[in-house]
């Protein structure tokens, strides 16, 4: 089956590239006098020395997709390929040649989804369905697209990690899609099916560190920096000796997902832990090359960064000394809504003032825009004035905000059904790009714990101890991340969507997404809005070429008294509560039950 995206045109700088009945092997290993490729054929291993030029070692051999191989450095033991496209036996096994040009595609007319139209659904492949595979997601795509109304799925990281269960942020082979999920071929089928359903695919990738078990990169070259460190391990070398090749390795990885696997966007994990003092930051280089690839393929490709810096330079263009990413995660709306709906003030929640800051977050995405942060002990952030709303991704829940709790509790469990719907409305009806975390759309009560499946005893011990330290002060029992139960409990029970509460919540999410699509004024520039906060409620009036909308978010328990200003009469379009006023008259106060969210249109 043909594709207009030239999938077979992609060729890696490093790794194994099949073609014409032969495979070219290329690996960067400076300082290694001798490197050999070891090929497994019919249960036997054949070893051939590679030719070396400026630290790059190369050889070719008869074969094609499915052939397994290793490298040997200076006569040492067999070692997987750092640019492996497949690890069929896990992180400690051989690499496997993958012929991506042989994948069948049916998305020739696909042009992607514009960034401003993104409504994102975040899912974890291993827990989203009982199958725990890429193929297992496919039967639920109609539900996500046609029924729920999202326009994109965001898949938590799939780079090969140890064992069969993990969040994915400790992958060690960034080019190899997780074997237990279905590998590259399985991911290609999922992406192809998404495009048939009209859904874009955003892939979560990790370019700030690599995991601790099975990480063979230090054996080959200076992939890591001695100047910097991250909370999760050694920082990647983007600006020291040898960094040209490291940058190429990482940027090529981004291009691989876009060109060979047809993904429509990348969510870059924790870009605040990507350290680079080069004249052109690696983020700018990556965004530039990926956007060029998207242009050549004739489709929209988005680069979204996760950053806790509250720094608008992440999404500003090169002319404004920025990195040119299409969007970035903005946490402040979530944190403000969370503190408005719960009594929690531990950790970073101590910096937020509840509903007052919800109003601030509707005016500008960064509440901490240079304001003092008690959590950090210093001023934090910078103003985002003038940056369009579709440059920011917001959420009521996500994998971090749920999974980095000791109890893994979702907002429905913490604060109740009404609070969870109010939070969802704040995110989906914001002037930013909304993200929904799997299961929240029907009020899932299943926890989402941190889980992993390491085999190295030292790594297991270190992970457990680190997790205990991280969760100290939350006052909740410790759940062993290595346990089967942590993983199994984290599967959302889709059967909950058929319960009375599940049906109500699911219909409310559908209504929110439809309202956002039908009323573009919701997404109008923030300058065309008036936001107020009083008596436990945030009132947002927005106007534009599509008319006016009025949003009321009541956060306190019990009734709030809301006064409508101006001369517009309002008619209720949707509400999380059956007790919201059906009409609002200028100059009069109206009671709103809390917590609740309501949307009004002119009339």
Foldseek 3Di string as FASTA:
>chain_A
DDALLPLQPDDAPAAWADDDQKIKHKAAFPPFPWKWKWWADPNDIDIDIFDDDRRMTMDMDGDAFFIWMFMAGNNHDGAEGLQAQADQPALGGTGTHHNLVPADADQRPFFEDDLLQAAEEEEEQQFQDPLSALVRCLVCLCCVPVPLNGAAYEYQAQATDGDQDASHQQHQRLNWGHNSRPILNSLLVNQRSNVVSNHAYEYEGEQFDHHDPSRCVVVGDQQFDPVAADPHGTGGDCADPPNVVNLSSVLSSVVSCCRSSVHQEYEYEACVSHDYPDPQRSLLVSLVVVVVSSVVSNHHHFYEYEYPQQELLQCDDVVVVHSNGQAYEQEQLQLQLVVLQAVDCPAQNVQYDHPVSNLVCLLFVDSQAQPQGPNVRHRGHHGPPPPAQSRYEYENDECCRQALAQVLFDPCVRRNLASLLLSHLSRLLGLYHYYHYPPSQQPFGQGQYGADADDDVVVLVVVQVVSCVSNPPNPDDHDRRNDPCNSNSNRGDPVSCPDPSRVLSNVSSSLSSVCCVVQVQSNPGSVQWDWDDDQQKIWIWTQDPRAIKIKIFRRDAAKGKAAAADQFKKAWDDKSDPPADRIHGHPHIDIDHPRMMTMIGTD
